[in-house]
Amino acid sequence: MYKTSVFNFFSFAKMNEKCSNCEANFHPEPGYYLGAMYISYFISSFVFLLTALIAMVVLEYSLTNTFILLGKLAVLILPYTLRVSRTIWLAIDN
């Protein structure tokens, strides 16, 4: 079994040029990952709405504290949603 990775190990956003196993091109054309932006938006919106709902209704945070929590959450999940959305877009396209 071959190990391959879409993303560079040392950078959260840098992608490898090609698959080390099948030589598939991960950068076929400029603007290719525009669809991944919509996937990332959907994932982030779902996480933010769920977090805001829990923070304000269950934990009874104020609006200011909820926005602070959402800002911190945005910074924490950015690398994860970027990688997941681009990988999903590659899977949808192939």
N, C-alpha and C. Protein backbone atom coordinates (compact mmCIF):
# COMPACT_ATOMS: atom_id res chain seq x y z
N MET A 1 0.85 -1.18 0.00
CA MET A 1 0.00 0.00 0.00
C MET A 1 0.89 1.24 0.00
N TYR A 2 0.53 2.20 -0.82
CA TYR A 2 1.30 3.43 -0.94
C TYR A 2 0.71 4.50 -0.04
N LYS A 3 1.59 5.30 0.53
CA LYS A 3 1.14 6.45 1.30
C LYS A 3 1.28 7.69 0.43
N THR A 4 0.23 8.43 0.33
CA THR A 4 0.26 9.67 -0.42
C THR A 4 -0.53 10.72 0.34
N SER A 5 -0.21 11.95 0.11
CA SER A 5 -0.89 13.03 0.78
C SER A 5 -1.14 14.15 -0.21
N VAL A 6 -2.29 14.75 -0.08
CA VAL A 6 -2.63 15.89 -0.94
C VAL A 6 -1.88 17.13 -0.47
N PHE A 7 -1.73 17.27 0.85
CA PHE A 7 -1.14 18.47 1.42
C PHE A 7 0.28 18.22 1.91
N ASN A 8 1.07 19.29 1.86
CA ASN A 8 2.42 19.26 2.38
C ASN A 8 2.36 19.13 3.90
N PHE A 9 3.22 18.32 4.46
CA PHE A 9 3.21 18.06 5.90
C PHE A 9 3.57 19.30 6.72
N PHE A 10 4.41 20.16 6.20
CA PHE A 10 4.95 21.28 6.96
C PHE A 10 4.15 22.58 6.81
N SER A 11 3.14 22.60 5.98
CA SER A 11 2.34 23.81 5.76
C SER A 11 0.87 23.42 5.70
N PHE A 12 0.02 24.21 6.37
CA PHE A 12 -1.38 23.83 6.40
C PHE A 12 -2.10 24.11 5.09
N ALA A 13 -1.59 25.00 4.26
CA ALA A 13 -2.30 25.35 3.03
C ALA A 13 -1.58 24.91 1.76
N LYS A 14 -0.29 24.58 1.83
CA LYS A 14 0.46 24.20 0.63
C LYS A 14 0.11 22.78 0.21
N MET A 15 -0.27 22.66 -1.04
CA MET A 15 -0.61 21.35 -1.58
C MET A 15 0.55 20.81 -2.40
N ASN A 16 0.67 19.50 -2.43
CA ASN A 16 1.65 18.87 -3.30
C ASN A 16 1.21 19.05 -4.75
N GLU A 17 2.16 19.02 -5.66
CA GLU A 17 1.85 19.21 -7.07
C GLU A 17 1.14 18.00 -7.67
N LYS A 18 1.63 16.81 -7.33
CA LYS A 18 1.07 15.58 -7.91
C LYS A 18 0.99 14.50 -6.85
N CYS A 19 0.15 13.52 -7.11
CA CYS A 19 0.05 12.34 -6.25
C CYS A 19 1.30 11.49 -6.44
N SER A 20 1.88 11.06 -5.33
CA SER A 20 3.10 10.26 -5.44
C SER A 20 2.81 8.83 -5.91
N ASN A 21 1.56 8.42 -5.87
CA ASN A 21 1.20 7.07 -6.27
C ASN A 21 0.74 7.00 -7.73
N CYS A 22 -0.22 7.83 -8.10
CA CYS A 22 -0.81 7.73 -9.44
C CYS A 22 -0.45 8.90 -10.36
N GLU A 23 0.33 9.86 -9.87
CA GLU A 23 0.76 11.03 -10.65
C GLU A 23 -0.41 11.94 -11.05
N ALA A 24 -1.51 11.89 -10.33
CA ALA A 24 -2.63 12.79 -10.61
C ALA A 24 -2.23 14.22 -10.26
N ASN A 25 -2.60 15.16 -11.10
CA ASN A 25 -2.27 16.56 -10.90
C ASN A 25 -3.25 17.18 -9.91
N PHE A 26 -2.74 17.77 -8.83
CA PHE A 26 -3.58 18.42 -7.84
C PHE A 26 -3.85 19.89 -8.17
N HIS A 27 -3.23 20.41 -9.22
CA HIS A 27 -3.43 21.80 -9.66
C HIS A 27 -3.76 21.80 -11.16
N PRO A 28 -4.93 21.32 -11.55
CA PRO A 28 -5.22 21.19 -12.98
C PRO A 28 -5.37 22.51 -13.73
N GLU A 29 -5.93 23.54 -13.08
CA GLU A 29 -6.13 24.82 -13.77
C GLU A 29 -6.33 25.92 -12.73
N PRO A 30 -6.09 27.17 -13.12
CA PRO A 30 -6.35 28.27 -12.18
C PRO A 30 -7.84 28.35 -11.84
N GLY A 31 -8.14 28.58 -10.60
CA GLY A 31 -9.52 28.68 -10.16
C GLY A 31 -10.21 27.35 -9.95
N TYR A 32 -9.46 26.27 -9.98
CA TYR A 32 -10.04 24.93 -9.85
C TYR A 32 -10.73 24.74 -8.51
N TYR A 33 -10.19 25.30 -7.45
CA TYR A 33 -10.71 25.07 -6.10
C TYR A 33 -11.77 26.10 -5.68
N LEU A 34 -12.37 26.78 -6.62
CA LEU A 34 -13.43 27.71 -6.31
C LEU A 34 -14.63 26.99 -5.70
N GLY A 35 -14.93 25.81 -6.18
CA GLY A 35 -16.03 25.02 -5.62
C GLY A 35 -15.74 24.59 -4.19
N ALA A 36 -14.47 24.39 -3.86
CA ALA A 36 -14.10 24.02 -2.50
C ALA A 36 -14.40 25.15 -1.52
N MET A 37 -14.39 26.38 -2.03
CA MET A 37 -14.73 27.52 -1.18
C MET A 37 -16.18 27.42 -0.71
N TYR A 38 -17.07 26.97 -1.57
CA TYR A 38 -18.48 26.82 -1.19
C TYR A 38 -18.65 25.70 -0.16
N ILE A 39 -17.89 24.64 -0.32
CA ILE A 39 -17.94 23.54 0.66
C ILE A 39 -17.43 24.03 2.00
N SER A 40 -16.34 24.77 2.01
CA SER A 40 -15.79 25.32 3.24
C SER A 40 -16.78 26.27 3.90
N TYR A 41 -17.45 27.08 3.10
CA TYR A 41 -18.45 28.01 3.62
C TYR A 41 -19.60 27.25 4.29
N PHE A 42 -20.07 26.19 3.67
CA PHE A 42 -21.14 25.39 4.22
C PHE A 42 -20.73 24.74 5.54
N ILE A 43 -19.54 24.15 5.59
CA ILE A 43 -19.06 23.51 6.82
C ILE A 43 -18.90 24.54 7.93
N SER A 44 -18.27 25.66 7.63
CA SER A 44 -18.05 26.70 8.63
C SER A 44 -19.36 27.29 9.13
N SER A 45 -20.29 27.54 8.23
CA SER A 45 -21.59 28.10 8.64
C SER A 45 -22.32 27.15 9.57
N PHE A 46 -22.31 25.88 9.25
CA PHE A 46 -22.96 24.90 10.11
C PHE A 46 -22.33 24.87 11.50
N VAL A 47 -20.99 24.85 11.56
CA VAL A 47 -20.29 24.82 12.85
C VAL A 47 -20.55 26.11 13.63
N PHE A 48 -20.52 27.26 12.97
CA PHE A 48 -20.74 28.54 13.67
C PHE A 48 -22.16 28.67 14.19
N LEU A 49 -23.14 28.28 13.38
CA LEU A 49 -24.53 28.38 13.84
C LEU A 49 -24.80 27.43 15.01
N LEU A 50 -24.27 26.23 14.94
CA LEU A 50 -24.44 25.28 16.03
C LEU A 50 -23.76 25.78 17.30
N THR A 51 -22.55 26.31 17.17
CA THR A 51 -21.82 26.84 18.31
C THR A 51 -22.53 28.04 18.92
N ALA A 52 -23.00 28.95 18.08
CA ALA A 52 -23.71 30.13 18.58
C ALA A 52 -25.00 29.73 19.29
N LEU A 53 -25.70 28.77 18.73
CA LEU A 53 -26.93 28.30 19.36
C LEU A 53 -26.65 27.69 20.73
N ILE A 54 -25.65 26.85 20.83
CA ILE A 54 -25.29 26.23 22.11
C ILE A 54 -24.81 27.29 23.10
N ALA A 55 -23.98 28.22 22.63
CA ALA A 55 -23.43 29.24 23.53
C ALA A 55 -24.50 30.16 24.08
N MET A 56 -25.43 30.56 23.23
CA MET A 56 -26.42 31.54 23.69
C MET A 56 -27.61 30.90 24.41
N VAL A 57 -28.03 29.72 23.98
CA VAL A 57 -29.22 29.11 24.58
C VAL A 57 -28.86 28.22 25.76
N VAL A 58 -27.91 27.33 25.57
CA VAL A 58 -27.59 26.36 26.61
C VAL A 58 -26.68 26.97 27.67
N LEU A 59 -25.59 27.61 27.23
CA LEU A 59 -24.61 28.15 28.18
C LEU A 59 -24.94 29.57 28.62
N GLU A 60 -25.89 30.20 27.96
CA GLU A 60 -26.36 31.56 28.27
C GLU A 60 -25.24 32.61 28.24
N TYR A 61 -24.41 32.54 27.18
CA TYR A 61 -23.37 33.55 26.98
C TYR A 61 -24.02 34.83 26.45
N SER A 62 -23.39 35.95 26.72
CA SER A 62 -23.86 37.21 26.14
C SER A 62 -23.46 37.24 24.65
N LEU A 63 -24.02 38.20 23.94
CA LEU A 63 -23.73 38.32 22.51
C LEU A 63 -22.24 38.60 22.28
N THR A 64 -21.66 39.45 23.13
CA THR A 64 -20.24 39.77 23.00
C THR A 64 -19.37 38.53 23.22
N ASN A 65 -19.65 37.77 24.25
CA ASN A 65 -18.87 36.56 24.52
C ASN A 65 -19.06 35.51 23.43
N THR A 66 -20.24 35.46 22.86
CA THR A 66 -20.49 34.52 21.76
C THR A 66 -19.67 34.90 20.54
N PHE A 67 -19.60 36.19 20.21
CA PHE A 67 -18.78 36.63 19.07
C PHE A 67 -17.29 36.37 19.31
N ILE A 68 -16.85 36.56 20.54
CA ILE A 68 -15.45 36.26 20.86
C ILE A 68 -15.18 34.78 20.68
N LEU A 69 -16.10 33.94 21.15
CA LEU A 69 -15.97 32.50 20.99
C LEU A 69 -15.94 32.10 19.52
N LEU A 70 -16.81 32.70 18.72
CA LEU A 70 -16.86 32.39 17.29
C LEU A 70 -15.60 32.86 16.57
N GLY A 71 -15.03 33.98 16.99
CA GLY A 71 -13.77 34.45 16.40
C GLY A 71 -12.63 33.50 16.67
N LYS A 72 -12.56 33.03 17.90
CA LYS A 72 -11.52 32.05 18.25
C LYS A 72 -11.72 30.73 17.51
N LEU A 73 -12.97 30.32 17.39
CA LEU A 73 -13.29 29.09 16.67
C LEU A 73 -12.92 29.21 15.20
N ALA A 74 -13.14 30.37 14.61
CA ALA A 74 -12.81 30.57 13.19
C ALA A 74 -11.31 30.39 12.95
N VAL A 75 -10.50 30.91 13.85
CA VAL A 75 -9.04 30.77 13.70
C VAL A 75 -8.62 29.31 13.88
N LEU A 76 -9.28 28.60 14.78
CA LEU A 76 -8.90 27.21 15.05
C LEU A 76 -9.31 26.24 13.95
N ILE A 77 -10.48 26.45 13.34
CA ILE A 77 -10.94 25.47 12.36
C ILE A 77 -10.56 25.83 10.92
N LEU A 78 -9.95 26.99 10.68
CA LEU A 78 -9.58 27.37 9.32
C LEU A 78 -8.68 26.34 8.63
N PRO A 79 -7.59 25.90 9.23
CA PRO A 79 -6.76 24.91 8.53
C PRO A 79 -7.50 23.60 8.25
N TYR A 80 -8.33 23.19 9.18
CA TYR A 80 -9.06 21.93 9.00
C TYR A 80 -10.08 22.04 7.87
N THR A 81 -10.86 23.10 7.85
CA THR A 81 -11.89 23.24 6.81
C THR A 81 -11.28 23.44 5.43
N LEU A 82 -10.12 24.12 5.38
CA LEU A 82 -9.44 24.29 4.10
C LEU A 82 -9.03 22.94 3.53
N ARG A 83 -8.42 22.13 4.35
CA ARG A 83 -7.97 20.81 3.88
C ARG A 83 -9.14 19.90 3.53
N VAL A 84 -10.14 19.88 4.40
CA VAL A 84 -11.29 19.00 4.16
C VAL A 84 -12.05 19.42 2.90
N SER A 85 -12.28 20.70 2.72
CA SER A 85 -13.05 21.15 1.57
C SER A 85 -12.31 20.90 0.26
N ARG A 86 -11.02 21.10 0.23
CA ARG A 86 -10.27 20.82 -1.00
C ARG A 86 -10.22 19.33 -1.30
N THR A 87 -10.10 18.51 -0.27
CA THR A 87 -10.10 17.07 -0.48
C THR A 87 -11.46 16.59 -0.96
N ILE A 88 -12.53 17.12 -0.40
CA ILE A 88 -13.88 16.77 -0.86
C ILE A 88 -14.06 17.20 -2.31
N TRP A 89 -13.57 18.39 -2.67
CA TRP A 89 -13.71 18.87 -4.05
C TRP A 89 -12.95 17.98 -5.03
N LEU A 90 -11.77 17.52 -4.63
CA LEU A 90 -11.03 16.58 -5.48
C LEU A 90 -11.81 15.27 -5.64
N ALA A 91 -12.42 14.79 -4.56
CA ALA A 91 -13.18 13.54 -4.63
C ALA A 91 -14.43 13.69 -5.50
N ILE A 92 -15.09 14.85 -5.43
CA ILE A 92 -16.28 15.07 -6.23
C ILE A 92 -15.91 15.14 -7.71
N ASP A 93 -14.81 15.79 -8.02
CA ASP A 93 -14.43 16.00 -9.43
C ASP A 93 -13.89 14.74 -10.09
N ASN A 94 -13.28 13.86 -9.32
CA ASN A 94 -12.69 12.66 -9.94
C ASN A 94 -13.63 11.53 -9.97
